[in-house]
Amino acid sequence: MTETVIVKNVYKKFKMYKKTSEKLLDVILPGGYGEDFYALQNVSFTAKEGDVIGLVGVNGSGKSTLSNIIAGVIPPTSGTVETIGQTSLIAISSGLRNQLTGRENIELKCLMLGFNKKQIKEMEPEIIDFADIGKFIDQPVKKYSSGMKSRLGFAISVTVNPDILVVDEALSVGDQAFAQKSKNRMFEFKEQGKTIFFVSHSMGQIKEFCDQALWLEYGEIKDYGPVKEVIPEYEKFLKWYKSMSKEEQKKFREEVTKKQSGPVVLEGK
């Protein structure tokens, strides 16, 4: 099967500031200013046509950062990401402009994806029908609930029929009927052999939908392989973690996040 996503030695560094004025110092001072925080370190893996990969990990492990890098929303600090085909990020309100109406957002997002106005006019009725938000389609997105934003973003992303989908908690918002409709569309894409990355805290959804799992632990890959092998180990970890006292959990987080201040030597430098 053809490789569709190739991630090599990816690092993503952010700067942590205690106050806004420190951002200016970071720009002015030759050595920069602020504390380095590596959301991802030395992440490497490949995905193939037809792979449905669940991204799992506790909060702060880098799942959304990795999703955004794969989708091309943000660049890695170092390392490379190669994607074969059009990629679409499906996340709550991803890419939507609050001041624009739903209809205007459809046009803007589709234009950014490379469609012309004629193509957009042809797709628009299907997008509006799938989103099913009624008269709100002509209201500014800032008036939408989080569920409505998710519905519109999801509808746009699935209608443009991408080759690679990155779904970040988008099936967790909205009513049951919409969730089922969204799930059905995802299964259609799975049958078509598209590459899908699926971020969810629901192990039930991961087990139902994914065949591979990538477990991130505070910015690093802990495990990557078949769902039936990775998820039981991850669930054991969750059970162990939840059995700790709050003090023990805090100590564990402090220990593992020490590594996120960065490597001594950044690979490739």
Protein backbone atom coordinates (compact mmCIF):
# COMPACT_ATOMS: atom_id res chain seq x y z
CA MET A 1 0.00 0.00 0.00
CA THR A 2 1.12 3.55 -0.80
CA GLU A 3 2.57 5.69 1.99
CA THR A 4 0.49 8.86 2.35
CA VAL A 5 1.94 10.55 5.46
CA ILE A 6 5.64 10.41 6.33
CA VAL A 7 6.67 12.13 9.58
CA LYS A 8 10.41 12.27 10.32
CA ASN A 9 12.09 13.54 13.50
CA VAL A 10 9.47 16.20 14.15
CA TYR A 11 9.94 18.64 17.01
CA LYS A 12 7.57 21.47 17.89
CA LYS A 13 8.80 24.17 20.25
CA PHE A 14 6.66 26.88 21.83
CA LYS A 15 7.72 29.73 24.06
CA MET A 16 6.14 30.07 27.51
CA TYR A 17 5.79 33.60 28.85
CA LYS A 18 4.81 34.73 32.34
CA LYS A 19 3.51 38.07 31.05
CA THR A 20 2.76 39.70 27.69
CA SER A 21 5.77 42.04 27.80
CA GLU A 22 8.09 39.01 27.64
CA LYS A 23 6.93 38.34 24.08
CA LEU A 24 8.52 41.64 23.03
CA LEU A 25 11.76 40.75 24.82
CA ASP A 26 11.82 37.45 22.94
CA VAL A 27 11.76 39.39 19.65
CA ILE A 28 14.30 42.05 20.70
CA LEU A 29 16.95 40.07 22.56
CA PRO A 30 19.52 38.18 20.39
CA GLY A 31 19.19 34.98 22.42
CA GLY A 32 15.44 35.27 22.76
CA TYR A 33 13.46 35.24 25.99
CA GLY A 34 10.99 32.94 27.68
CA GLU A 35 10.92 29.28 28.63
CA ASP A 36 11.16 26.67 25.87
CA PHE A 37 8.37 24.09 25.80
CA TYR A 38 8.56 21.16 23.39
CA ALA A 39 5.03 19.94 22.63
CA LEU A 40 6.56 17.27 20.36
CA GLN A 41 10.00 15.65 20.37
CA ASN A 42 11.54 13.28 17.84
CA VAL A 43 8.20 12.08 16.44
CA SER A 44 8.59 9.72 13.48
CA PHE A 45 6.08 7.38 11.83
CA THR A 46 4.48 6.59 8.49
CA ALA A 47 0.84 6.08 7.55
CA LYS A 48 -0.43 4.28 4.48
CA GLU A 49 -3.45 4.50 2.22
CA GLY A 50 -6.42 3.05 4.12
CA ASP A 51 -4.88 3.40 7.60
CA VAL A 52 -7.25 4.67 10.28
CA ILE A 53 -5.04 5.80 13.16
CA GLY A 54 -6.29 6.74 16.62
CA LEU A 55 -4.17 9.37 18.38
CA VAL A 56 -4.37 8.76 22.14
CA GLY A 57 -2.73 10.25 25.21
CA VAL A 58 -3.65 12.22 28.31
CA ASN A 59 -4.25 15.97 28.08
CA GLY A 60 -1.07 17.84 27.16
CA SER A 61 0.53 14.93 25.32
CA GLY A 62 0.66 16.74 21.95
CA LYS A 63 -2.25 15.14 20.08
CA SER A 64 -3.75 18.39 18.77
CA THR A 65 -0.29 19.82 18.00
CA LEU A 66 0.53 16.76 15.90
CA SER A 67 -2.90 16.95 14.22
CA ASN A 68 -2.32 20.57 13.24
CA ILE A 69 1.15 19.80 11.87
CA ILE A 70 -0.11 16.89 9.76
CA ALA A 71 -2.92 19.11 8.44
CA GLY A 72 -0.46 21.89 7.58
CA VAL A 73 -2.05 24.39 9.96
CA ILE A 74 1.24 24.97 11.81
CA PRO A 75 4.80 24.05 10.77
CA PRO A 76 7.15 21.85 12.80
CA THR A 77 10.11 23.57 14.46
CA SER A 78 12.34 20.94 12.90
CA GLY A 79 11.89 17.66 11.10
CA THR A 80 9.73 16.97 8.05
CA VAL A 81 6.14 16.03 7.28
CA GLU A 82 5.28 14.77 3.80
CA THR A 83 1.64 14.25 2.82
CA ILE A 84 0.51 12.71 -0.47
CA GLY A 85 -2.85 14.19 -1.48
CA GLN A 86 -5.18 16.83 -0.10
CA THR A 87 -5.43 17.01 3.70
CA SER A 88 -8.37 18.32 5.68
CA LEU A 89 -8.57 19.06 9.42
CA ILE A 90 -11.94 18.42 11.04
CA ALA A 91 -11.96 20.11 14.44
CA ILE A 92 -14.38 22.29 16.34
CA SER A 93 -14.59 25.61 14.43
CA SER A 94 -11.27 24.94 12.67
CA GLY A 95 -10.61 27.60 10.06
CA LEU A 96 -13.92 29.43 10.65
CA ARG A 97 -13.93 33.24 10.90
CA ASN A 98 -16.24 34.48 13.67
CA GLN A 99 -17.16 37.73 11.93
CA LEU A 100 -18.28 35.99 8.71
CA THR A 101 -21.56 34.14 8.17
CA GLY A 102 -21.67 30.39 7.75
CA ARG A 103 -22.22 30.78 4.01
CA GLU A 104 -19.30 33.20 3.69
CA ASN A 105 -17.12 30.77 5.67
CA ILE A 106 -17.99 27.99 3.24
CA GLU A 107 -16.78 30.12 0.33
CA LEU A 108 -13.63 31.29 2.11
CA LYS A 109 -12.57 27.86 3.32
CA CYS A 110 -13.22 26.24 -0.06
CA LEU A 111 -11.31 29.01 -1.87
CA MET A 112 -8.38 28.39 0.47
CA LEU A 113 -8.54 24.70 -0.46
CA GLY A 114 -8.16 25.61 -4.14
CA PHE A 115 -11.76 25.37 -5.41
CA ASN A 116 -13.12 28.01 -7.80
CA LYS A 117 -16.39 29.89 -7.28
CA LYS A 118 -18.32 27.68 -9.71
CA GLN A 119 -17.23 24.52 -7.89
CA ILE A 120 -18.08 26.09 -4.54
CA LYS A 121 -21.60 27.01 -5.71
CA GLU A 122 -22.11 23.39 -6.74
CA MET A 123 -20.89 22.05 -3.35
CA GLU A 124 -22.64 24.64 -1.19
CA PRO A 125 -26.12 23.00 -1.05
CA GLU A 126 -24.61 19.67 0.03
CA ILE A 127 -22.52 21.37 2.74
CA ILE A 128 -25.52 23.32 4.05
CA ASP A 129 -27.72 20.21 4.02
CA PHE A 130 -25.12 18.15 5.91
CA ALA A 131 -24.50 20.88 8.52
CA ASP A 132 -28.27 21.18 9.13
CA ILE A 133 -28.08 24.46 11.07
CA GLY A 134 -31.13 26.09 9.42
CA LYS A 135 -31.29 29.87 9.13
CA PHE A 136 -28.07 30.24 11.10
CA ILE A 137 -26.17 29.59 7.86
CA ASP A 138 -26.60 33.33 7.11
CA GLN A 139 -25.74 34.49 10.62
CA PRO A 140 -22.21 35.39 11.83
CA VAL A 141 -20.36 32.36 13.21
CA LYS A 142 -19.76 34.27 16.47
CA LYS A 143 -23.45 33.63 17.24
CA TYR A 144 -23.04 29.85 16.85
CA SER A 145 -22.84 27.35 19.69
CA SER A 146 -19.75 25.12 19.75
CA GLY A 147 -21.91 22.31 18.37
CA MET A 148 -23.05 24.40 15.41
CA LYS A 149 -19.47 25.44 14.64
CA SER A 150 -18.42 21.81 14.71
CA ARG A 151 -21.27 20.81 12.39
CA LEU A 152 -20.40 23.46 9.82
CA GLY A 153 -16.65 22.77 9.96
CA PHE A 154 -17.28 19.04 9.67
CA ALA A 155 -19.71 19.50 6.75
CA ILE A 156 -17.21 21.61 4.78
CA SER A 157 -14.32 19.22 5.43
CA VAL A 158 -16.12 16.02 4.44
CA THR A 159 -17.82 17.52 1.35
CA VAL A 160 -14.52 18.59 -0.25
CA ASN A 161 -13.61 14.87 -0.24
CA PRO A 162 -9.95 15.01 0.91
CA ASP A 163 -7.43 12.17 0.65
CA ILE A 164 -6.22 12.52 4.25
CA LEU A 165 -8.54 13.44 7.12
CA VAL A 166 -7.50 14.61 10.56
CA VAL A 167 -10.47 14.40 12.94
CA ASP A 168 -9.79 16.14 16.28
CA GLU A 169 -12.59 15.44 18.78
CA ALA A 170 -15.12 16.57 16.14
CA LEU A 171 -17.47 13.62 16.73
CA SER A 172 -17.79 14.48 20.42
CA VAL A 173 -19.86 17.62 19.85
CA GLY A 174 -23.45 17.85 18.63
CA ASP A 175 -26.59 15.80 19.03
CA GLN A 176 -26.81 12.04 18.64
CA ALA A 177 -28.36 12.18 15.17
CA PHE A 178 -25.56 14.38 13.79
CA ALA A 179 -22.91 12.25 15.52
CA GLN A 180 -24.32 9.16 13.79
CA LYS A 181 -24.45 10.92 10.42
CA SER A 182 -20.84 12.03 10.87
CA LYS A 183 -19.77 8.56 11.90
CA ASN A 184 -21.46 7.06 8.83
CA ARG A 185 -19.55 9.48 6.57
CA MET A 186 -16.30 8.53 8.29
CA PHE A 187 -16.99 4.84 7.67
CA GLU A 188 -17.65 5.68 3.99
CA PHE A 189 -14.23 7.35 3.82
CA LYS A 190 -12.68 4.34 5.55
CA GLU A 191 -14.19 2.01 2.93
CA GLN A 192 -12.81 4.27 0.17
CA GLY A 193 -9.28 3.67 1.52
CA LYS A 194 -8.58 7.20 2.74
CA THR A 195 -5.97 7.83 5.44
CA ILE A 196 -7.66 9.02 8.63
CA PHE A 197 -6.20 10.31 11.90
CA PHE A 198 -8.74 10.22 14.69
CA VAL A 199 -8.21 12.08 17.98
CA SER A 200 -10.59 11.07 20.75
CA HIS A 201 -10.67 10.48 24.50
CA SER A 202 -13.35 7.85 23.86
CA MET A 203 -11.68 4.45 23.80
CA GLY A 204 -14.99 3.03 22.55
CA GLN A 205 -14.79 5.24 19.42
CA ILE A 206 -11.10 4.38 18.91
CA LYS A 207 -11.78 0.63 19.15
CA GLU A 208 -14.84 0.85 16.87
CA PHE A 209 -13.30 3.01 14.17
CA CYS A 210 -9.50 2.64 14.13
CA ASP A 211 -7.18 -0.21 13.18
CA GLN A 212 -3.95 1.50 14.31
CA ALA A 213 -3.17 3.54 17.42
CA LEU A 214 -0.42 6.07 18.09
CA TRP A 215 0.09 6.70 21.81
CA LEU A 216 1.69 10.04 22.67
CA GLU A 217 3.05 10.65 26.15
CA TYR A 218 4.03 14.25 26.83
CA GLY A 219 5.30 14.93 23.33
CA GLU A 220 6.94 11.60 22.54
CA ILE A 221 5.67 8.42 20.91
CA LYS A 222 5.13 5.82 23.61
CA ASP A 223 3.77 3.16 21.24
CA TYR A 224 2.49 2.75 17.68
CA GLY A 225 0.82 -0.32 16.25
CA PRO A 226 -2.44 -2.26 15.95
CA VAL A 227 -5.31 -1.01 18.15
CA LYS A 228 -5.73 -4.45 19.73
CA GLU A 229 -2.13 -4.27 21.00
CA VAL A 230 -1.68 -0.57 21.88
CA ILE A 231 -5.04 0.31 23.45
CA PRO A 232 -5.02 -2.41 26.16
CA GLU A 233 -1.60 -1.11 27.29
CA TYR A 234 -2.85 2.48 27.22
CA GLU A 235 -5.92 1.51 29.25
CA LYS A 236 -3.66 -0.19 31.82
CA PHE A 237 -1.69 3.06 32.05
CA LEU A 238 -4.90 5.08 32.53
CA LYS A 239 -6.09 2.73 35.27
CA TRP A 240 -2.71 3.01 37.01
CA TYR A 241 -2.69 6.81 36.65
CA LYS A 242 -6.25 7.22 37.96
CA SER A 243 -5.46 5.02 40.97
CA MET A 244 -2.90 7.59 42.14
CA SER A 245 -3.64 10.30 44.66
CA LYS A 246 -3.75 13.90 43.36
CA GLU A 247 -0.34 14.49 44.89
CA GLU A 248 1.12 11.42 43.16
CA GLN A 249 -0.41 12.46 39.83
CA LYS A 250 1.11 15.93 40.19
CA LYS A 251 4.54 14.45 40.96
CA PHE A 252 4.31 12.10 37.96
CA ARG A 253 3.35 14.98 35.61
CA GLU A 254 6.21 17.12 36.89
CA GLU A 255 8.69 14.30 36.28
CA VAL A 256 7.59 13.49 32.73
CA THR A 257 7.15 17.12 31.66
CA LYS A 258 10.75 17.96 32.67
CA LYS A 259 11.77 16.45 29.33
CA GLN A 260 9.56 18.96 27.51
CA SER A 261 12.00 21.76 28.27
CA GLY A 262 13.87 20.34 25.29
CA PRO A 263 16.75 18.07 24.31
CA VAL A 264 20.34 19.01 25.04
CA VAL A 265 21.05 18.89 21.30
CA LEU A 266 18.17 19.34 18.86
CA GLU A 267 18.37 16.67 16.18
CA GLY A 268 19.37 17.98 12.80
CA LYS A 269 21.14 21.01 14.26
